[in-house]
Amino acid sequence: MTDSTTDPQAGVARIERTIRARLDELAETLRKQSLAVRVGTSALVAWNPAASATDDPRGQAMNPGLSQYVAIAPDGGSLHWYWCWTGPTRDAPLETEYMCPAEEIDRAAVLITKVLRVDDHDEGRP
């Protein structure tokens, strides 16, 4: 009989559950910051609905607003968050940049929120 320490499939399933849990935790934290979030199997995309608010239908079609893809991946035996950036050309693969360890949900949320923030200059806020 095998257990999760000797069964490779059980180990993979455990990692997948952990990845999903971290993605869900980060998504919930971002939603509390008024961001919209869509979660995938190893990444999420967050966007600021305020950045795409417009009454002009042409603007809604042309302006996707502020959005950011963030991936979670193992490295060195633990999980980490990575920024995902588009490549220099349309057909280039995504480029990644290290963000922080995956257990640092609040830190990741603060960084993502800063990137997606829209300043409200009309109310005198910076």
N, C-alpha and C. Protein backbone atom coordinates (compact mmCIF):
# COMPACT_ATOMS: atom_id res chain seq x y z
N MET A 1 0.84 -1.19 0.00
CA MET A 1 0.00 0.00 0.00
C MET A 1 0.88 1.25 0.00
N THR A 2 0.49 2.26 -0.77
CA THR A 2 1.27 3.50 -0.84
C THR A 2 0.52 4.59 -0.09
N ASP A 3 1.25 5.59 0.35
CA ASP A 3 0.63 6.74 0.97
C ASP A 3 1.10 8.00 0.24
N SER A 4 0.69 9.16 0.76
CA SER A 4 1.00 10.40 0.04
C SER A 4 2.49 10.72 0.04
N THR A 5 3.27 10.11 0.93
CA THR A 5 4.71 10.38 0.92
C THR A 5 5.45 9.54 -0.11
N THR A 6 4.85 8.42 -0.55
CA THR A 6 5.52 7.57 -1.53
C THR A 6 4.81 7.52 -2.87
N ASP A 7 3.57 7.95 -2.93
CA ASP A 7 2.78 7.92 -4.15
C ASP A 7 2.93 9.25 -4.89
N PRO A 8 3.61 9.27 -6.05
CA PRO A 8 3.79 10.54 -6.77
C PRO A 8 2.47 11.23 -7.12
N GLN A 9 1.45 10.47 -7.48
CA GLN A 9 0.17 11.08 -7.84
C GLN A 9 -0.47 11.77 -6.64
N ALA A 10 -0.32 11.18 -5.45
CA ALA A 10 -0.86 11.81 -4.25
C ALA A 10 -0.11 13.11 -3.96
N GLY A 11 1.19 13.11 -4.21
CA GLY A 11 1.98 14.33 -4.01
C GLY A 11 1.56 15.43 -4.97
N VAL A 12 1.32 15.07 -6.22
CA VAL A 12 0.86 16.04 -7.21
C VAL A 12 -0.51 16.59 -6.82
N ALA A 13 -1.40 15.73 -6.38
CA ALA A 13 -2.74 16.16 -5.97
C ALA A 13 -2.65 17.11 -4.78
N ARG A 14 -1.74 16.85 -3.86
CA ARG A 14 -1.57 17.73 -2.69
C ARG A 14 -1.09 19.11 -3.14
N ILE A 15 -0.12 19.15 -4.05
CA ILE A 15 0.38 20.42 -4.57
C ILE A 15 -0.72 21.18 -5.30
N GLU A 16 -1.51 20.47 -6.11
CA GLU A 16 -2.61 21.12 -6.83
C GLU A 16 -3.63 21.70 -5.86
N ARG A 17 -3.94 21.00 -4.78
CA ARG A 17 -4.88 21.53 -3.77
C ARG A 17 -4.30 22.77 -3.10
N THR A 18 -3.01 22.74 -2.81
CA THR A 18 -2.37 23.89 -2.18
C THR A 18 -2.37 25.08 -3.12
N ILE A 19 -2.06 24.85 -4.39
CA ILE A 19 -2.09 25.93 -5.38
C ILE A 19 -3.48 26.54 -5.44
N ARG A 20 -4.51 25.70 -5.53
CA ARG A 20 -5.88 26.21 -5.61
C ARG A 20 -6.25 27.00 -4.36
N ALA A 21 -5.85 26.51 -3.20
CA ALA A 21 -6.15 27.21 -1.95
C ALA A 21 -5.49 28.58 -1.93
N ARG A 22 -4.23 28.65 -2.34
CA ARG A 22 -3.53 29.95 -2.36
C ARG A 22 -4.17 30.90 -3.36
N LEU A 23 -4.52 30.40 -4.55
CA LEU A 23 -5.19 31.24 -5.54
C LEU A 23 -6.50 31.77 -4.99
N ASP A 24 -7.28 30.92 -4.34
CA ASP A 24 -8.56 31.35 -3.77
C ASP A 24 -8.36 32.37 -2.66
N GLU A 25 -7.33 32.17 -1.82
CA GLU A 25 -7.04 33.12 -0.75
C GLU A 25 -6.68 34.49 -1.32
N LEU A 26 -5.81 34.50 -2.32
CA LEU A 26 -5.41 35.77 -2.92
C LEU A 26 -6.59 36.43 -3.62
N ALA A 27 -7.40 35.65 -4.32
CA ALA A 27 -8.57 36.21 -5.00
C ALA A 27 -9.51 36.87 -4.00
N GLU A 28 -9.77 36.22 -2.89
CA GLU A 28 -10.67 36.79 -1.87
C GLU A 28 -10.09 38.07 -1.29
N THR A 29 -8.80 38.09 -1.04
CA THR A 29 -8.16 39.30 -0.50
C THR A 29 -8.23 40.44 -1.51
N LEU A 30 -8.04 40.15 -2.79
CA LEU A 30 -8.13 41.19 -3.82
C LEU A 30 -9.55 41.70 -3.97
N ARG A 31 -10.52 40.82 -3.87
CA ARG A 31 -11.93 41.25 -3.96
C ARG A 31 -12.29 42.20 -2.83
N LYS A 32 -11.70 42.01 -1.67
CA LYS A 32 -11.93 42.92 -0.53
C LYS A 32 -11.36 44.30 -0.82
N GLN A 33 -10.45 44.40 -1.80
CA GLN A 33 -9.87 45.68 -2.22
C GLN A 33 -10.62 46.26 -3.42
N SER A 34 -11.83 45.74 -3.68
CA SER A 34 -12.69 46.20 -4.78
C SER A 34 -12.14 45.87 -6.17
N LEU A 35 -11.30 44.86 -6.26
CA LEU A 35 -10.83 44.41 -7.55
C LEU A 35 -11.66 43.22 -8.00
N ALA A 36 -11.80 43.06 -9.28
CA ALA A 36 -12.46 41.88 -9.85
C ALA A 36 -11.38 40.84 -10.13
N VAL A 37 -11.73 39.58 -9.98
CA VAL A 37 -10.73 38.52 -10.12
C VAL A 37 -11.33 37.31 -10.83
N ARG A 38 -10.54 36.71 -11.71
CA ARG A 38 -10.90 35.43 -12.33
C ARG A 38 -9.74 34.47 -12.04
N VAL A 39 -10.07 33.30 -11.49
CA VAL A 39 -9.06 32.33 -11.07
C VAL A 39 -8.99 31.19 -12.07
N GLY A 40 -7.77 30.83 -12.46
CA GLY A 40 -7.53 29.68 -13.32
C GLY A 40 -6.88 28.56 -12.52
N THR A 41 -6.24 27.64 -13.21
CA THR A 41 -5.64 26.49 -12.52
C THR A 41 -4.29 26.80 -11.88
N SER A 42 -3.53 27.74 -12.46
CA SER A 42 -2.24 28.08 -11.87
C SER A 42 -1.96 29.58 -11.93
N ALA A 43 -2.99 30.35 -12.19
CA ALA A 43 -2.84 31.80 -12.28
C ALA A 43 -4.18 32.46 -12.05
N LEU A 44 -4.12 33.76 -11.84
CA LEU A 44 -5.35 34.54 -11.77
C LEU A 44 -5.14 35.83 -12.52
N VAL A 45 -6.23 36.44 -12.91
CA VAL A 45 -6.17 37.78 -13.48
C VAL A 45 -7.04 38.65 -12.60
N ALA A 46 -6.49 39.79 -12.22
CA ALA A 46 -7.22 40.77 -11.43
C ALA A 46 -7.32 42.04 -12.24
N TRP A 47 -8.43 42.74 -12.09
CA TRP A 47 -8.57 44.01 -12.80
C TRP A 47 -9.36 44.97 -11.94
N ASN A 48 -9.18 46.23 -12.25
CA ASN A 48 -9.84 47.30 -11.53
C ASN A 48 -11.03 47.76 -12.35
N PRO A 49 -12.25 47.43 -11.91
CA PRO A 49 -13.43 47.85 -12.66
C PRO A 49 -13.54 49.36 -12.83
N ALA A 50 -13.01 50.12 -11.88
CA ALA A 50 -13.08 51.58 -11.97
C ALA A 50 -12.27 52.12 -13.14
N ALA A 51 -11.26 51.38 -13.57
CA ALA A 51 -10.40 51.85 -14.66
C ALA A 51 -11.07 51.71 -16.01
N SER A 52 -12.08 50.88 -16.12
CA SER A 52 -12.72 50.69 -17.42
C SER A 52 -14.13 51.27 -17.45
N ALA A 53 -14.50 51.98 -16.41
CA ALA A 53 -15.83 52.57 -16.37
C ALA A 53 -15.90 53.75 -17.33
N THR A 54 -16.80 53.63 -18.28
CA THR A 54 -17.01 54.71 -19.24
C THR A 54 -18.43 54.60 -19.78
N ASP A 55 -19.00 55.73 -20.12
CA ASP A 55 -20.34 55.73 -20.71
C ASP A 55 -20.29 55.57 -22.23
N ASP A 56 -19.12 55.69 -22.79
CA ASP A 56 -18.95 55.61 -24.24
C ASP A 56 -18.76 54.15 -24.65
N PRO A 57 -19.70 53.57 -25.42
CA PRO A 57 -19.56 52.17 -25.83
C PRO A 57 -18.28 51.89 -26.59
N ARG A 58 -17.79 52.88 -27.35
CA ARG A 58 -16.53 52.68 -28.06
C ARG A 58 -15.38 52.54 -27.07
N GLY A 59 -15.42 53.30 -26.00
CA GLY A 59 -14.39 53.23 -24.97
C GLY A 59 -14.42 51.90 -24.25
N GLN A 60 -15.61 51.35 -24.02
CA GLN A 60 -15.71 50.05 -23.35
C GLN A 60 -15.10 48.96 -24.21
N ALA A 61 -15.27 49.05 -25.51
CA ALA A 61 -14.72 48.03 -26.40
C ALA A 61 -13.21 48.16 -26.55
N MET A 62 -12.71 49.38 -26.55
CA MET A 62 -11.29 49.60 -26.79
C MET A 62 -10.45 49.61 -25.52
N ASN A 63 -11.07 49.85 -24.36
CA ASN A 63 -10.33 49.97 -23.11
C ASN A 63 -10.59 48.77 -22.22
N PRO A 64 -9.65 47.85 -22.14
CA PRO A 64 -9.85 46.71 -21.25
C PRO A 64 -9.64 47.07 -19.79
N GLY A 65 -9.25 48.31 -19.50
CA GLY A 65 -9.01 48.72 -18.13
C GLY A 65 -7.64 48.25 -17.66
N LEU A 66 -7.42 48.39 -16.37
CA LEU A 66 -6.18 47.93 -15.78
C LEU A 66 -6.34 46.48 -15.37
N SER A 67 -5.47 45.61 -15.85
CA SER A 67 -5.53 44.21 -15.46
C SER A 67 -4.12 43.68 -15.26
N GLN A 68 -4.03 42.62 -14.48
CA GLN A 68 -2.73 42.02 -14.22
C GLN A 68 -2.87 40.52 -14.02
N TYR A 69 -2.07 39.76 -14.75
CA TYR A 69 -1.99 38.31 -14.56
C TYR A 69 -0.92 38.01 -13.52
N VAL A 70 -1.23 37.07 -12.62
CA VAL A 70 -0.30 36.63 -11.60
C VAL A 70 -0.33 35.11 -11.58
N ALA A 71 0.84 34.49 -11.64
CA ALA A 71 0.93 33.02 -11.63
C ALA A 71 1.50 32.55 -10.30
N ILE A 72 1.18 31.32 -9.96
CA ILE A 72 1.76 30.66 -8.80
C ILE A 72 2.49 29.43 -9.32
N ALA A 73 3.71 29.22 -8.84
CA ALA A 73 4.50 28.09 -9.33
C ALA A 73 5.49 27.65 -8.25
N PRO A 74 5.81 26.35 -8.27
CA PRO A 74 6.82 25.85 -7.32
C PRO A 74 8.23 26.21 -7.77
N ASP A 75 9.08 26.45 -6.78
CA ASP A 75 10.50 26.68 -7.05
C ASP A 75 11.24 26.39 -5.75
N GLY A 76 12.21 25.51 -5.82
CA GLY A 76 13.00 25.20 -4.64
C GLY A 76 12.20 24.55 -3.52
N GLY A 77 11.17 23.81 -3.86
CA GLY A 77 10.40 23.09 -2.85
C GLY A 77 9.26 23.87 -2.22
N SER A 78 9.06 25.12 -2.63
CA SER A 78 7.92 25.90 -2.12
C SER A 78 7.28 26.68 -3.26
N LEU A 79 6.11 27.21 -2.99
CA LEU A 79 5.35 27.95 -4.00
C LEU A 79 5.64 29.44 -3.91
N HIS A 80 5.58 30.11 -5.08
CA HIS A 80 5.86 31.54 -5.15
C HIS A 80 4.91 32.20 -6.15
N TRP A 81 4.68 33.50 -5.94
CA TRP A 81 3.89 34.31 -6.87
C TRP A 81 4.82 34.96 -7.89
N TYR A 82 4.33 35.05 -9.13
CA TYR A 82 5.09 35.67 -10.21
C TYR A 82 4.18 36.61 -10.99
N TRP A 83 4.69 37.81 -11.30
CA TRP A 83 4.01 38.69 -12.24
C TRP A 83 4.10 38.05 -13.61
N CYS A 84 3.10 38.20 -14.43
CA CYS A 84 3.14 37.74 -15.82
C CYS A 84 2.98 38.96 -16.71
N TRP A 85 3.96 39.18 -17.54
CA TRP A 85 3.96 40.33 -18.45
C TRP A 85 3.88 39.83 -19.87
N THR A 86 3.25 40.59 -20.73
CA THR A 86 3.21 40.23 -22.14
C THR A 86 4.59 40.47 -22.75
N GLY A 87 4.90 39.68 -23.75
CA GLY A 87 6.18 39.82 -24.43
C GLY A 87 6.19 41.04 -25.34
N PRO A 88 7.33 41.31 -25.98
CA PRO A 88 7.47 42.51 -26.80
C PRO A 88 6.67 42.47 -28.10
N THR A 89 6.24 41.29 -28.52
CA THR A 89 5.43 41.19 -29.73
C THR A 89 4.17 40.38 -29.42
N ARG A 90 3.21 40.47 -30.30
CA ARG A 90 1.92 39.81 -30.10
C ARG A 90 2.06 38.30 -29.91
N ASP A 91 2.99 37.67 -30.62
CA ASP A 91 3.12 36.22 -30.53
C ASP A 91 4.20 35.77 -29.54
N ALA A 92 4.79 36.69 -28.81
CA ALA A 92 5.83 36.35 -27.83
C ALA A 92 5.20 35.67 -26.61
N PRO A 93 5.91 34.74 -26.00
CA PRO A 93 5.38 34.11 -24.79
C PRO A 93 5.36 35.10 -23.62
N LEU A 94 4.55 34.79 -22.62
CA LEU A 94 4.52 35.63 -21.43
C LEU A 94 5.88 35.60 -20.75
N GLU A 95 6.25 36.69 -20.15
CA GLU A 95 7.46 36.76 -19.35
C GLU A 95 7.02 36.82 -17.89
N THR A 96 7.81 36.22 -17.00
CA THR A 96 7.47 36.24 -15.58
C THR A 96 8.54 36.95 -14.79
N GLU A 97 8.11 37.50 -13.65
CA GLU A 97 9.01 38.18 -12.74
C GLU A 97 8.60 37.79 -11.32
N TYR A 98 9.56 37.42 -10.52
CA TYR A 98 9.30 36.99 -9.15
C TYR A 98 8.61 38.10 -8.35
N MET A 99 7.59 37.72 -7.57
CA MET A 99 6.90 38.67 -6.71
C MET A 99 7.21 38.40 -5.24
N CYS A 100 6.80 37.22 -4.71
CA CYS A 100 7.01 36.90 -3.31
C CYS A 100 6.58 35.45 -3.05
N PRO A 101 6.90 34.92 -1.87
CA PRO A 101 6.44 33.57 -1.53
C PRO A 101 4.92 33.50 -1.51
N ALA A 102 4.39 32.34 -1.88
CA ALA A 102 2.94 32.18 -2.01
C ALA A 102 2.20 32.31 -0.69
N GLU A 103 2.85 32.00 0.43
CA GLU A 103 2.14 32.14 1.71
C GLU A 103 1.97 33.59 2.13
N GLU A 104 2.64 34.51 1.45
CA GLU A 104 2.53 35.93 1.78
C GLU A 104 1.38 36.56 0.98
N ILE A 105 0.17 36.11 1.28
CA ILE A 105 -1.03 36.55 0.58
C ILE A 105 -1.22 38.06 0.70
N ASP A 106 -1.10 38.59 1.91
CA ASP A 106 -1.32 40.03 2.10
C ASP A 106 -0.30 40.86 1.33
N ARG A 107 0.95 40.44 1.34
CA ARG A 107 1.99 41.17 0.60
C ARG A 107 1.69 41.16 -0.89
N ALA A 108 1.34 39.99 -1.43
CA ALA A 108 1.00 39.90 -2.85
C ALA A 108 -0.18 40.80 -3.18
N ALA A 109 -1.19 40.80 -2.32
CA ALA A 109 -2.38 41.62 -2.56
C ALA A 109 -2.03 43.11 -2.56
N VAL A 110 -1.18 43.53 -1.65
CA VAL A 110 -0.77 44.94 -1.61
C VAL A 110 -0.05 45.32 -2.90
N LEU A 111 0.86 44.48 -3.36
CA LEU A 111 1.61 44.77 -4.59
C LEU A 111 0.67 44.84 -5.79
N ILE A 112 -0.23 43.90 -5.91
CA ILE A 112 -1.17 43.87 -7.04
C ILE A 112 -2.10 45.08 -6.98
N THR A 113 -2.59 45.40 -5.80
CA THR A 113 -3.49 46.54 -5.63
C THR A 113 -2.80 47.84 -6.03
N LYS A 114 -1.51 47.98 -5.69
CA LYS A 114 -0.77 49.19 -6.09
C LYS A 114 -0.69 49.31 -7.61
N VAL A 115 -0.47 48.19 -8.29
CA VAL A 115 -0.37 48.21 -9.75
C VAL A 115 -1.70 48.59 -10.38
N LEU A 116 -2.79 48.16 -9.79
CA LEU A 116 -4.12 48.36 -10.38
C LEU A 116 -4.86 49.56 -9.82
N ARG A 117 -4.23 50.31 -8.97
CA ARG A 117 -4.88 51.46 -8.33
C ARG A 117 -5.15 52.58 -9.34
N VAL A 118 -6.28 53.21 -9.17
CA VAL A 118 -6.62 54.38 -9.97
C VAL A 118 -6.73 55.54 -8.99
N ASP A 119 -5.88 56.53 -9.16
CA ASP A 119 -5.93 57.70 -8.29
C ASP A 119 -7.14 58.54 -8.61
N ASP A 120 -7.76 59.06 -7.59
CA ASP A 120 -8.92 59.92 -7.76
C ASP A 120 -8.49 61.37 -7.58
N HIS A 121 -8.04 61.98 -8.68
CA HIS A 121 -7.54 63.34 -8.62
C HIS A 121 -8.66 64.35 -8.36
N ASP A 122 -9.92 64.02 -8.68
CA ASP A 122 -11.02 64.94 -8.47
C ASP A 122 -11.28 65.21 -7.00
N GLU A 123 -10.92 64.29 -6.13
CA GLU A 123 -11.16 64.46 -4.70
C GLU A 123 -9.88 64.88 -3.98
N GLY A 124 -8.85 65.24 -4.74
CA GLY A 124 -7.63 65.73 -4.15
C GLY A 124 -6.74 64.65 -3.54
N ARG A 125 -7.01 63.40 -3.82
CA ARG A 125 -6.15 62.32 -3.34
C ARG A 125 -4.96 62.18 -4.27
N PRO A 126 -3.82 61.79 -3.72
CA PRO A 126 -2.63 61.63 -4.58
C PRO A 126 -2.78 60.52 -5.57
